[in-house]
């Protein structure tokens, strides 16, 4: 299998490669290579959910979404979840439960998003967003969050997937 890197940005690259399909047809396919990410559903002791109102330059608008972030090279998904939760919300979790994973963009990206629910939250002094992150913390009930999804105020796929998985597993 031959491939070439068309573009590299941070730990994400755009690769063009020859791929043999199950029917033995050889095609040229372009893939975004991504190290993976952790998505965290933080639940407070009162049962409220912490979300981010985050400005997304690609869309040029604010999105309501769960905390999430890209894994560092060699980083365990659970470690990433703990790190991103602290960096983006200023809270640490004493309990981090894996909810499995989703493949958000399988047609052109190999990213795997690892889903977690975070409980027993405590304030942390290591709150530090990345330079390109503009974030406001929002707290709401599970019912309010569901209504925001129904009303189209929350359109972020990873948020909807993580919330759905947590609800289906009986965590919320």
N, C-alpha and C. Protein backbone atom coordinates (compact mmCIF):
# COMPACT_ATOMS: atom_id res chain seq x y z
N UNK A 1 0.84 -1.17 0.00
CA UNK A 1 0.00 0.00 0.00
C UNK A 1 0.89 1.24 0.00
N UNK A 2 0.78 2.05 -1.03
CA UNK A 2 1.56 3.28 -1.10
C UNK A 2 0.71 4.44 -0.60
N UNK A 3 1.36 5.41 0.02
CA UNK A 3 0.64 6.58 0.47
C UNK A 3 1.55 7.80 0.46
N UNK A 4 0.92 8.96 0.41
CA UNK A 4 1.68 10.20 0.54
C UNK A 4 0.90 11.16 1.42
N UNK A 5 1.64 11.94 2.18
CA UNK A 5 1.05 12.94 3.05
C UNK A 5 0.81 14.20 2.24
N UNK A 6 -0.45 14.60 2.14
CA UNK A 6 -0.81 15.80 1.39
C UNK A 6 -0.71 17.05 2.26
N UNK A 7 -0.98 16.88 3.57
CA UNK A 7 -0.94 18.01 4.49
C UNK A 7 -0.79 17.50 5.91
N UNK A 8 -0.08 18.25 6.75
CA UNK A 8 0.13 17.90 8.15
C UNK A 8 -0.18 19.13 8.99
N UNK A 9 -0.98 18.97 10.04
CA UNK A 9 -1.27 20.04 10.98
C UNK A 9 -1.35 19.43 12.37
N UNK A 10 -0.47 19.87 13.26
CA UNK A 10 -0.36 19.29 14.60
C UNK A 10 -0.23 17.77 14.46
N UNK A 11 -1.10 17.00 15.11
CA UNK A 11 -1.00 15.54 15.03
C UNK A 11 -1.99 14.95 14.01
N UNK A 12 -2.55 15.80 13.18
CA UNK A 12 -3.53 15.37 12.18
C UNK A 12 -2.92 15.51 10.80
N UNK A 13 -3.12 14.50 9.95
CA UNK A 13 -2.56 14.57 8.60
C UNK A 13 -3.59 14.12 7.57
N UNK A 14 -3.40 14.59 6.36
CA UNK A 14 -4.23 14.22 5.23
C UNK A 14 -3.39 13.30 4.35
N UNK A 15 -3.83 12.06 4.21
CA UNK A 15 -3.07 11.02 3.51
C UNK A 15 -3.83 10.55 2.28
N UNK A 16 -3.12 10.41 1.18
CA UNK A 16 -3.68 9.78 -0.02
C UNK A 16 -2.97 8.44 -0.18
N UNK A 17 -3.76 7.37 -0.36
CA UNK A 17 -3.16 6.05 -0.45
C UNK A 17 -3.93 5.13 -1.39
N UNK A 18 -3.24 4.12 -1.86
CA UNK A 18 -3.86 3.07 -2.66
C UNK A 18 -4.43 2.04 -1.69
N UNK A 19 -5.70 1.71 -1.87
CA UNK A 19 -6.38 0.78 -0.97
C UNK A 19 -7.01 -0.34 -1.81
N UNK A 20 -6.83 -1.57 -1.35
CA UNK A 20 -7.48 -2.70 -2.00
C UNK A 20 -8.77 -2.99 -1.25
N UNK A 21 -9.89 -2.89 -1.95
CA UNK A 21 -11.20 -3.14 -1.37
C UNK A 21 -11.44 -4.64 -1.23
N UNK A 22 -12.43 -5.05 -0.44
CA UNK A 22 -12.73 -6.48 -0.28
C UNK A 22 -13.00 -7.21 -1.60
N UNK A 23 -13.47 -6.49 -2.62
CA UNK A 23 -13.71 -7.12 -3.93
C UNK A 23 -12.46 -7.10 -4.82
N UNK A 24 -11.31 -6.76 -4.23
CA UNK A 24 -10.00 -6.72 -4.88
C UNK A 24 -9.80 -5.52 -5.81
N UNK A 25 -10.76 -4.62 -5.88
CA UNK A 25 -10.59 -3.40 -6.66
C UNK A 25 -9.63 -2.48 -5.92
N UNK A 26 -8.69 -1.87 -6.64
CA UNK A 26 -7.73 -0.95 -6.04
C UNK A 26 -8.19 0.47 -6.36
N UNK A 27 -8.29 1.27 -5.30
CA UNK A 27 -8.71 2.66 -5.47
C UNK A 27 -7.71 3.59 -4.79
N UNK A 28 -7.77 4.86 -5.16
CA UNK A 28 -7.03 5.90 -4.45
C UNK A 28 -8.01 6.53 -3.47
N UNK A 29 -7.64 6.53 -2.20
CA UNK A 29 -8.52 7.05 -1.15
C UNK A 29 -7.76 8.08 -0.33
N UNK A 30 -8.46 9.16 0.03
CA UNK A 30 -7.87 10.20 0.87
C UNK A 30 -8.50 10.11 2.26
N UNK A 31 -7.64 10.07 3.27
CA UNK A 31 -8.08 9.90 4.66
C UNK A 31 -7.44 10.96 5.54
N UNK A 32 -8.23 11.49 6.45
CA UNK A 32 -7.68 12.32 7.52
C UNK A 32 -7.26 11.36 8.63
N UNK A 33 -5.96 11.33 8.93
CA UNK A 33 -5.42 10.49 10.01
C UNK A 33 -5.48 11.30 11.30
N UNK A 34 -6.16 10.74 12.29
CA UNK A 34 -6.41 11.45 13.54
C UNK A 34 -6.03 10.53 14.71
N UNK A 35 -5.36 11.04 15.73
CA UNK A 35 -4.93 10.19 16.84
C UNK A 35 -6.04 9.72 17.77
N UNK A 36 -7.26 10.21 17.59
CA UNK A 36 -8.36 9.84 18.46
C UNK A 36 -8.66 10.94 19.46
N UNK A 37 -9.80 10.82 20.12
CA UNK A 37 -10.23 11.86 21.05
C UNK A 37 -11.02 11.24 22.19
N UNK A 38 -11.14 12.01 23.26
CA UNK A 38 -11.98 11.64 24.40
C UNK A 38 -13.10 12.67 24.50
N UNK A 39 -14.31 12.17 24.75
CA UNK A 39 -15.49 13.00 24.94
C UNK A 39 -16.01 12.70 26.34
N UNK A 40 -16.26 13.75 27.13
CA UNK A 40 -16.58 13.55 28.53
C UNK A 40 -17.94 14.16 28.87
N UNK A 41 -18.78 13.37 29.53
CA UNK A 41 -20.07 13.83 30.05
C UNK A 41 -19.91 14.04 31.56
N UNK A 42 -19.61 15.27 32.00
CA UNK A 42 -19.41 15.53 33.43
C UNK A 42 -20.74 15.75 34.13
N UNK A 43 -20.97 14.98 35.19
CA UNK A 43 -22.22 15.07 35.96
C UNK A 43 -21.86 15.50 37.39
N UNK A 44 -22.48 16.59 37.83
CA UNK A 44 -22.22 17.11 39.17
C UNK A 44 -22.94 16.26 40.22
N UNK A 45 -22.63 16.50 41.49
CA UNK A 45 -23.27 15.78 42.60
C UNK A 45 -24.79 16.03 42.61
N UNK A 46 -25.21 17.17 42.06
CA UNK A 46 -26.64 17.50 41.99
C UNK A 46 -27.30 16.92 40.74
N UNK A 47 -26.56 16.21 39.92
CA UNK A 47 -27.11 15.62 38.71
C UNK A 47 -27.13 16.55 37.51
N UNK A 48 -26.54 17.73 37.64
CA UNK A 48 -26.43 18.67 36.53
C UNK A 48 -25.28 18.25 35.60
N UNK A 49 -25.37 18.64 34.35
CA UNK A 49 -24.35 18.30 33.36
C UNK A 49 -23.59 19.56 32.97
N UNK A 50 -22.25 19.45 32.97
CA UNK A 50 -21.41 20.58 32.54
C UNK A 50 -21.21 20.50 31.04
N UNK A 51 -21.49 21.60 30.36
CA UNK A 51 -21.26 21.71 28.93
C UNK A 51 -20.38 22.91 28.66
N UNK A 52 -19.90 22.99 27.45
CA UNK A 52 -19.12 24.13 27.01
C UNK A 52 -19.90 24.88 25.95
N UNK A 53 -19.90 26.17 26.04
CA UNK A 53 -20.31 27.01 24.92
C UNK A 53 -18.97 27.42 24.32
N UNK A 54 -18.67 26.86 23.15
CA UNK A 54 -17.33 27.03 22.58
C UNK A 54 -17.43 27.62 21.18
N UNK A 55 -16.61 28.65 20.93
CA UNK A 55 -16.57 29.24 19.60
C UNK A 55 -15.77 28.32 18.68
N UNK A 56 -16.37 27.96 17.56
CA UNK A 56 -15.74 27.07 16.58
C UNK A 56 -15.43 27.84 15.31
N UNK A 57 -14.15 28.19 15.11
CA UNK A 57 -13.76 28.99 13.94
C UNK A 57 -14.15 28.36 12.61
N UNK A 58 -14.13 27.03 12.50
CA UNK A 58 -14.50 26.39 11.24
C UNK A 58 -15.93 26.71 10.84
N UNK A 59 -16.81 26.80 11.84
CA UNK A 59 -18.22 27.11 11.58
C UNK A 59 -18.53 28.59 11.77
N UNK A 60 -17.57 29.30 12.37
CA UNK A 60 -17.72 30.73 12.69
C UNK A 60 -18.95 30.99 13.57
N UNK A 61 -19.14 30.09 14.55
CA UNK A 61 -20.24 30.27 15.49
C UNK A 61 -19.96 29.50 16.79
N UNK A 62 -20.79 29.77 17.79
CA UNK A 62 -20.70 29.11 19.08
C UNK A 62 -21.49 27.81 19.04
N UNK A 63 -20.93 26.75 19.66
CA UNK A 63 -21.62 25.47 19.79
C UNK A 63 -21.73 25.12 21.26
N UNK A 64 -22.85 24.53 21.64
CA UNK A 64 -22.98 23.92 22.96
C UNK A 64 -22.56 22.47 22.82
N UNK A 65 -21.58 22.06 23.60
CA UNK A 65 -21.03 20.72 23.45
C UNK A 65 -20.40 20.24 24.75
N UNK A 66 -20.17 18.93 24.81
CA UNK A 66 -19.47 18.36 25.94
C UNK A 66 -17.98 18.62 25.82
N UNK A 67 -17.26 18.63 26.95
CA UNK A 67 -15.81 18.74 26.88
C UNK A 67 -15.23 17.56 26.09
N UNK A 68 -14.21 17.83 25.31
CA UNK A 68 -13.59 16.78 24.49
C UNK A 68 -12.23 17.28 24.04
N UNK A 69 -11.38 16.35 23.64
CA UNK A 69 -10.09 16.76 23.12
C UNK A 69 -9.32 15.63 22.48
N UNK A 70 -8.37 16.03 21.68
CA UNK A 70 -7.53 15.10 20.94
C UNK A 70 -6.50 14.44 21.85
N UNK A 71 -6.30 13.15 21.64
CA UNK A 71 -5.32 12.40 22.41
C UNK A 71 -3.91 12.77 21.99
N UNK A 72 -3.01 12.84 22.95
CA UNK A 72 -1.59 13.05 22.68
C UNK A 72 -1.01 11.73 22.17
N UNK A 73 0.12 11.80 21.51
CA UNK A 73 0.79 10.61 20.99
C UNK A 73 1.06 9.62 22.12
N UNK A 74 0.51 8.41 22.02
CA UNK A 74 0.71 7.37 23.02
C UNK A 74 -0.16 7.50 24.27
N UNK A 75 -1.02 8.50 24.31
CA UNK A 75 -1.85 8.74 25.49
C UNK A 75 -3.02 7.76 25.54
N UNK A 76 -3.30 7.27 26.72
CA UNK A 76 -4.45 6.40 26.97
C UNK A 76 -5.73 7.25 26.91
N UNK A 77 -6.82 6.73 26.34
CA UNK A 77 -8.05 7.51 26.26
C UNK A 77 -8.56 8.02 27.62
N UNK A 78 -8.43 7.21 28.66
CA UNK A 78 -8.89 7.64 29.99
C UNK A 78 -8.03 8.79 30.51
N UNK A 79 -6.73 8.71 30.29
CA UNK A 79 -5.84 9.82 30.69
C UNK A 79 -6.22 11.09 29.95
N UNK A 80 -6.50 10.96 28.66
CA UNK A 80 -6.93 12.11 27.86
C UNK A 80 -8.21 12.71 28.42
N UNK A 81 -9.16 11.85 28.79
CA UNK A 81 -10.43 12.34 29.33
C UNK A 81 -10.20 13.13 30.62
N UNK A 82 -9.36 12.62 31.51
CA UNK A 82 -9.06 13.34 32.76
C UNK A 82 -8.40 14.68 32.46
N UNK A 83 -7.42 14.68 31.57
CA UNK A 83 -6.68 15.90 31.22
C UNK A 83 -7.60 16.94 30.59
N UNK A 84 -8.39 16.53 29.61
CA UNK A 84 -9.26 17.47 28.91
C UNK A 84 -10.34 18.03 29.83
N UNK A 85 -10.89 17.21 30.71
CA UNK A 85 -11.90 17.69 31.65
C UNK A 85 -11.34 18.82 32.51
N UNK A 86 -10.16 18.63 33.04
CA UNK A 86 -9.52 19.66 33.87
C UNK A 86 -9.22 20.90 33.05
N UNK A 87 -8.60 20.72 31.88
CA UNK A 87 -8.20 21.86 31.04
C UNK A 87 -9.39 22.70 30.60
N UNK A 88 -10.50 22.05 30.26
CA UNK A 88 -11.62 22.79 29.68
C UNK A 88 -12.67 23.24 30.68
N UNK A 89 -12.78 22.57 31.82
CA UNK A 89 -13.83 22.93 32.79
C UNK A 89 -13.30 23.40 34.13
N UNK A 90 -12.06 23.05 34.46
CA UNK A 90 -11.53 23.37 35.78
C UNK A 90 -11.97 22.39 36.86
N UNK A 91 -12.53 21.24 36.42
CA UNK A 91 -12.94 20.21 37.37
C UNK A 91 -12.22 18.90 37.08
N UNK A 92 -11.88 18.19 38.15
CA UNK A 92 -11.30 16.85 38.04
C UNK A 92 -12.39 15.86 38.42
N UNK A 93 -12.28 14.65 37.90
CA UNK A 93 -13.26 13.60 38.21
C UNK A 93 -12.59 12.50 39.03
N UNK A 94 -13.20 12.13 40.15
CA UNK A 94 -12.71 10.99 40.92
C UNK A 94 -13.15 9.69 40.28
N UNK A 95 -14.24 9.72 39.48
CA UNK A 95 -14.73 8.54 38.78
C UNK A 95 -14.88 8.86 37.30
N UNK A 96 -14.24 8.05 36.46
CA UNK A 96 -14.34 8.20 35.01
C UNK A 96 -14.75 6.84 34.46
N UNK A 97 -15.94 6.77 33.89
CA UNK A 97 -16.49 5.51 33.40
C UNK A 97 -16.50 5.51 31.87
N UNK A 98 -15.92 4.48 31.28
CA UNK A 98 -15.92 4.36 29.82
C UNK A 98 -17.30 3.95 29.32
N UNK A 99 -17.74 4.62 28.26
CA UNK A 99 -19.01 4.29 27.61
C UNK A 99 -18.77 3.67 26.23
N UNK A 100 -17.53 3.34 25.91
CA UNK A 100 -17.21 2.78 24.60
C UNK A 100 -16.74 3.84 23.64
N UNK A 101 -16.96 3.61 22.36
CA UNK A 101 -16.43 4.53 21.36
C UNK A 101 -17.38 4.68 20.19
N UNK A 102 -17.19 5.78 19.45
CA UNK A 102 -17.93 6.02 18.21
C UNK A 102 -16.94 6.40 17.11
N UNK A 103 -17.37 6.18 15.88
CA UNK A 103 -16.57 6.55 14.70
C UNK A 103 -17.35 7.64 13.97
N UNK A 104 -16.99 8.91 14.21
CA UNK A 104 -17.83 10.02 13.74
C UNK A 104 -17.78 10.32 12.24
N UNK A 105 -16.68 10.03 11.58
CA UNK A 105 -16.51 10.46 10.19
C UNK A 105 -15.87 9.37 9.35
N UNK A 106 -16.39 8.15 9.43
CA UNK A 106 -15.74 6.97 8.84
C UNK A 106 -15.54 7.04 7.33
N UNK A 107 -16.27 7.89 6.64
CA UNK A 107 -16.11 7.99 5.19
C UNK A 107 -14.79 8.60 4.76
N UNK A 108 -14.18 9.43 5.62
CA UNK A 108 -12.94 10.10 5.23
C UNK A 108 -11.97 10.37 6.37
N UNK A 109 -12.26 9.84 7.56
CA UNK A 109 -11.39 10.10 8.72
C UNK A 109 -11.34 8.85 9.59
N UNK A 110 -10.14 8.53 10.12
CA UNK A 110 -10.00 7.33 10.96
C UNK A 110 -10.13 7.62 12.46
N UNK A 111 -10.62 8.81 12.81
CA UNK A 111 -10.77 9.18 14.21
C UNK A 111 -11.72 8.24 14.95
N UNK A 112 -11.31 7.85 16.15
CA UNK A 112 -12.15 7.12 17.09
C UNK A 112 -12.36 8.06 18.27
N UNK A 113 -13.61 8.27 18.65
CA UNK A 113 -13.92 9.08 19.82
C UNK A 113 -14.30 8.15 20.97
N UNK A 114 -13.58 8.26 22.07
CA UNK A 114 -13.80 7.45 23.26
C UNK A 114 -14.72 8.23 24.19
N UNK A 115 -15.84 7.64 24.55
CA UNK A 115 -16.87 8.31 25.35
C UNK A 115 -16.74 7.96 26.83
N UNK A 116 -16.91 8.97 27.67
CA UNK A 116 -16.80 8.77 29.12
C UNK A 116 -17.89 9.56 29.84
N UNK A 117 -18.24 9.05 31.03
CA UNK A 117 -19.05 9.82 31.96
C UNK A 117 -18.16 10.09 33.18
N UNK A 118 -18.12 11.35 33.61
CA UNK A 118 -17.27 11.76 34.73
C UNK A 118 -18.16 12.11 35.92
N UNK A 119 -17.83 11.54 37.07
CA UNK A 119 -18.61 11.79 38.29
C UNK A 119 -17.66 12.13 39.44
N UNK A 120 -18.26 12.53 40.55
CA UNK A 120 -17.51 12.94 41.74
C UNK A 120 -16.51 14.03 41.35
N UNK A 121 -17.05 15.13 40.84
CA UNK A 121 -16.23 16.24 40.35
C UNK A 121 -15.74 17.10 41.50
N UNK A 122 -14.50 17.53 41.42
CA UNK A 122 -13.92 18.45 42.39
C UNK A 122 -13.18 19.55 41.64
N UNK A 123 -13.19 20.78 42.16
CA UNK A 123 -12.49 21.88 41.49
C UNK A 123 -10.99 21.59 41.37
N UNK A 124 -10.41 22.03 40.28
CA UNK A 124 -8.97 21.86 40.05
C UNK A 124 -8.38 23.22 39.72
N UNK A 125 -7.15 23.43 40.13
CA UNK A 125 -6.49 24.71 39.82
C UNK A 125 -5.70 24.64 38.51
N UNK A 126 -5.87 23.56 37.74
CA UNK A 126 -5.11 23.40 36.51
C UNK A 126 -5.95 23.71 35.27
N UNK A 127 -6.99 24.54 35.43
CA UNK A 127 -7.84 24.95 34.32
C UNK A 127 -7.01 25.77 33.35
N UNK A 128 -6.89 25.29 32.11
CA UNK A 128 -6.08 26.02 31.13
C UNK A 128 -6.48 25.60 29.71
N UNK A 129 -7.26 26.43 29.07
CA UNK A 129 -7.66 26.16 27.69
C UNK A 129 -6.48 26.39 26.75
N UNK A 130 -6.55 25.76 25.59
CA UNK A 130 -5.57 26.02 24.55
C UNK A 130 -5.76 27.44 24.04
N UNK A 131 -4.71 27.98 23.39
CA UNK A 131 -4.75 29.36 22.90
C UNK A 131 -5.90 29.62 21.93
N UNK A 132 -6.29 28.61 21.16
CA UNK A 132 -7.34 28.80 20.16
C UNK A 132 -8.73 28.42 20.68
N UNK A 133 -8.86 28.18 21.98
CA UNK A 133 -10.15 27.80 22.57
C UNK A 133 -10.77 28.97 23.32
N UNK A 134 -11.97 29.33 22.94
CA UNK A 134 -12.75 30.34 23.66
C UNK A 134 -13.97 29.60 24.19
N UNK A 135 -14.00 29.44 25.52
CA UNK A 135 -14.97 28.54 26.15
C UNK A 135 -15.67 29.23 27.32
N UNK A 136 -16.97 29.00 27.42
CA UNK A 136 -17.75 29.38 28.59
C UNK A 136 -18.41 28.11 29.12
N UNK A 137 -18.38 27.91 30.44
CA UNK A 137 -18.98 26.74 31.06
C UNK A 137 -20.48 26.98 31.26
N UNK A 138 -21.28 25.99 30.88
CA UNK A 138 -22.74 26.05 31.02
C UNK A 138 -23.17 24.80 31.79
N UNK A 139 -24.08 24.97 32.73
CA UNK A 139 -24.61 23.84 33.50
C UNK A 139 -26.10 23.73 33.24
N UNK A 140 -26.56 22.50 32.99
CA UNK A 140 -28.00 22.30 32.79
C UNK A 140 -28.40 20.89 33.20
N UNK A 141 -29.69 20.71 33.38
CA UNK A 141 -30.20 19.40 33.74
C UNK A 141 -30.23 18.50 32.52
N UNK A 142 -30.36 17.21 32.77
CA UNK A 142 -30.47 16.24 31.67
C UNK A 142 -31.69 16.58 30.81
N UNK A 143 -32.79 16.94 31.44
CA UNK A 143 -34.01 17.27 30.71
C UNK A 143 -33.80 18.51 29.83
N UNK A 144 -33.14 19.54 30.37
CA UNK A 144 -32.85 20.74 29.58
C UNK A 144 -31.95 20.40 28.38
N UNK A 145 -30.97 19.55 28.63
CA UNK A 145 -30.06 19.14 27.56
C UNK A 145 -30.82 18.41 26.46
N UNK A 146 -31.70 17.51 26.84
CA UNK A 146 -32.52 16.80 25.86
C UNK A 146 -33.37 17.79 25.05
N UNK A 147 -33.96 18.76 25.73
CA UNK A 147 -34.80 19.73 25.03
C UNK A 147 -33.98 20.58 24.06
N UNK A 148 -32.75 20.91 24.44
CA UNK A 148 -31.86 21.66 23.54
C UNK A 148 -31.55 20.85 22.28
N UNK A 149 -31.42 19.54 22.43
CA UNK A 149 -31.20 18.68 21.26
C UNK A 149 -32.45 18.66 20.38
N UNK A 150 -33.61 18.49 21.00
CA UNK A 150 -34.87 18.48 20.26
C UNK A 150 -35.08 19.80 19.51
N UNK A 151 -34.77 20.92 20.18
CA UNK A 151 -34.98 22.25 19.60
C UNK A 151 -33.91 22.63 18.57
N UNK A 152 -32.87 21.81 18.44
CA UNK A 152 -31.79 22.14 17.51
C UNK A 152 -30.78 23.12 18.05
N UNK A 153 -30.81 23.40 19.36
CA UNK A 153 -29.82 24.29 19.97
C UNK A 153 -28.50 23.56 20.20
N UNK A 154 -28.56 22.23 20.28
CA UNK A 154 -27.36 21.40 20.35
C UNK A 154 -27.37 20.51 19.11
N UNK A 155 -26.35 20.70 18.28
CA UNK A 155 -26.23 19.93 17.04
C UNK A 155 -24.94 19.13 16.98
N UNK A 156 -24.11 19.26 17.98
CA UNK A 156 -22.81 18.60 18.02
C UNK A 156 -22.99 17.08 18.15
N UNK A 157 -22.50 16.35 17.16
CA UNK A 157 -22.72 14.89 17.09
C UNK A 157 -22.11 14.14 18.27
N UNK A 158 -20.90 14.51 18.70
CA UNK A 158 -20.27 13.78 19.80
C UNK A 158 -21.03 13.97 21.10
N UNK A 159 -21.62 15.15 21.28
CA UNK A 159 -22.43 15.42 22.47
C UNK A 159 -23.69 14.56 22.46
N UNK A 160 -24.37 14.53 21.33
CA UNK A 160 -25.59 13.74 21.21
C UNK A 160 -25.29 12.25 21.38
N UNK A 161 -24.18 11.79 20.79
CA UNK A 161 -23.82 10.37 20.89
C UNK A 161 -23.47 9.99 22.33
N UNK A 162 -22.69 10.81 23.00
CA UNK A 162 -22.27 10.49 24.38
C UNK A 162 -23.46 10.52 25.33
N UNK A 163 -24.32 11.52 25.18
CA UNK A 163 -25.51 11.59 26.02
C UNK A 163 -26.41 10.38 25.78
N UNK A 164 -26.59 10.01 24.53
CA UNK A 164 -27.43 8.85 24.19
C UNK A 164 -26.87 7.57 24.79
N UNK A 165 -25.57 7.38 24.67
CA UNK A 165 -24.95 6.17 25.19
C UNK A 165 -25.07 6.11 26.72
N UNK A 166 -24.85 7.26 27.39
CA UNK A 166 -24.97 7.30 28.85
C UNK A 166 -26.40 6.98 29.28
N UNK A 167 -27.38 7.51 28.56
CA UNK A 167 -28.79 7.25 28.90
C UNK A 167 -29.15 5.79 28.63
N UNK A 168 -28.72 5.26 27.48
CA UNK A 168 -29.02 3.87 27.15
C UNK A 168 -28.38 2.88 28.14
N UNK A 169 -27.23 3.27 28.70
CA UNK A 169 -26.55 2.41 29.68
C UNK A 169 -27.07 2.62 31.10
N UNK A 170 -28.00 3.55 31.27
CA UNK A 170 -28.61 3.77 32.58
C UNK A 170 -27.82 4.65 33.52
N UNK A 171 -26.84 5.40 33.03
CA UNK A 171 -26.05 6.26 33.90
C UNK A 171 -26.73 7.59 34.20
N UNK A 172 -27.62 8.01 33.31
CA UNK A 172 -28.35 9.27 33.55
C UNK A 172 -29.81 9.07 33.20
